[in-house]
Amino acid sequence: MTDQTQFVDGGSVTSPKGFKAGAAYAGIKTYAKDKWDVGILLSEAACVTAGMYTTNKFVSPSVTLTKARVDAGNVRGLFVSSGIANTGVGEQGLIDAIDSIAVAAEHVGIPAEEMAIGTTGVIGVELPMALIRAGIPNIVLTDDGGGAFARSIMTTDRVPKTIALEVEIDGKVVTIGGCAKGSGMIHPNMATMLAYVTTDAAIEQDFLVSVLHDVVDDTFNMVTIDGDMSTNDTVMVFANGLAGNKPIAAGTPEAAGFFLALYSVMEYLSREMVRDAEGSSKIFSVRVEGAKTRDDARLAARAIAASSLVKSAIHGNDPNWGRVIAAAGYSGADIDVSKVRFDINDVVIMDAGTPISFHREAVIAIMNNPEVALTVNLGLGDGTATAWGCELTEAYVEFNSAYTT
């Protein structure tokens, strides 16, 4: 958050002007109250869109089709389903994705070419098209349907993740809303989750693509839960221009303001995914300062956050600083051991490469909090980066040992 932005109470993807959404239960997932498994998001006006997608080579046809539609430049609607990933099912996966989009587009009265698709769930199972065709007509789009839509993309998530912010740009109030799902198979390199962002800002296409890549690199690509990269993951931004501002272009003051607001939305969603990690109740941040370059800072922060040994130490409230330093050491970042400093929640643990005497029981008590902050200063330059991780627990192993059964 910045001084120029403010939260929208109960904000979601339908907070920006001109966006509607809804969800329904089709029967893909086991039934429970408010457990939706199909949803639609729609802009009443044409959109400029941009997307980033999984780097997993075993990619879902849903992602392939969405990328093609976004690249064509006409997308203003999105159909989602949860429970089945539509991955690893051969040519039928693309056939079913095209069919799903066609049914959803007809339901809301737009051409199929203006609809994208997101699917998530178990790999290797075909979409139950009879259920999907029957379920889509039950989706009712409303101005406040963003919360239901956020629930329709949940799989192992415990809670929906939604946010909206307002920021003044070019004398107009611009709103940015977002939702995300993800609590497992989360690791950097845009193989992390489904995340959808809407805005009523007017934005030039080239700038939207550029700012999305820059913000994703510093938010979604800096979170890790378990080191596994999914096959379906997608981040999309829809901008319909209904706020009435002059289209935002790169290099302008308006571009800087939009960047900060979009960063606030995506950082929030990133942290909430880690907070909701399977089997976890603790989140930790890793801030690397003083790196020779920003890339070095990112390498070290991500290596520390992804370390199973560091995650285990966080779970056990164990100030085992050697695990943090070891992860930084193998990260590929330039390091001079004699210049490294490490803090846990502002308590100095080592400085100039040498351990500092600290009250162990006090640090253990600090680490028992639901949020823990690790800071590593490499003392070599001005490169900085922050990554987020979660504890590794017995519950995570237990949950994922029986996921499909």
Foldseek 3Di string as FASTA:
>chain_A
DDPQKDWDVLFAQLPAPQKWKWFWDLPLDDDDPLQTFKMKIFGPFWWQKAKDAFPDPQAALLQVQQVVLNVVGGAGMEMEGEAEQLTPAPPLSNVLNLVLLCLLCVLVPHDSSHYGYAYYHDHPDHDPSVSSSVTNNVIDIDSSRRLSRQSNHEDLFPHWAKIKMWGAFQNFIKMKIKTWYAAPLAAADQQHTEMEMEIQAAADNVLVNVLVVVLCVFASRQEDEAPGGDRGYMYMYIYRNNRVHDHDDPPDPRSVRVSVRVSVRRNRNRQVNQCRHQPFNAKEKEKEWAFQAQVLQSLLRRQQQNDLVNLQCLVQLHPPCVSSVVSSVPSPTDADLQAKWKDKVPHTQAGSNGGDDDDRVVSSVVSVDRYIYIYMYRNHHGHMGMHMYTHDDPRNVVCVVPVPD
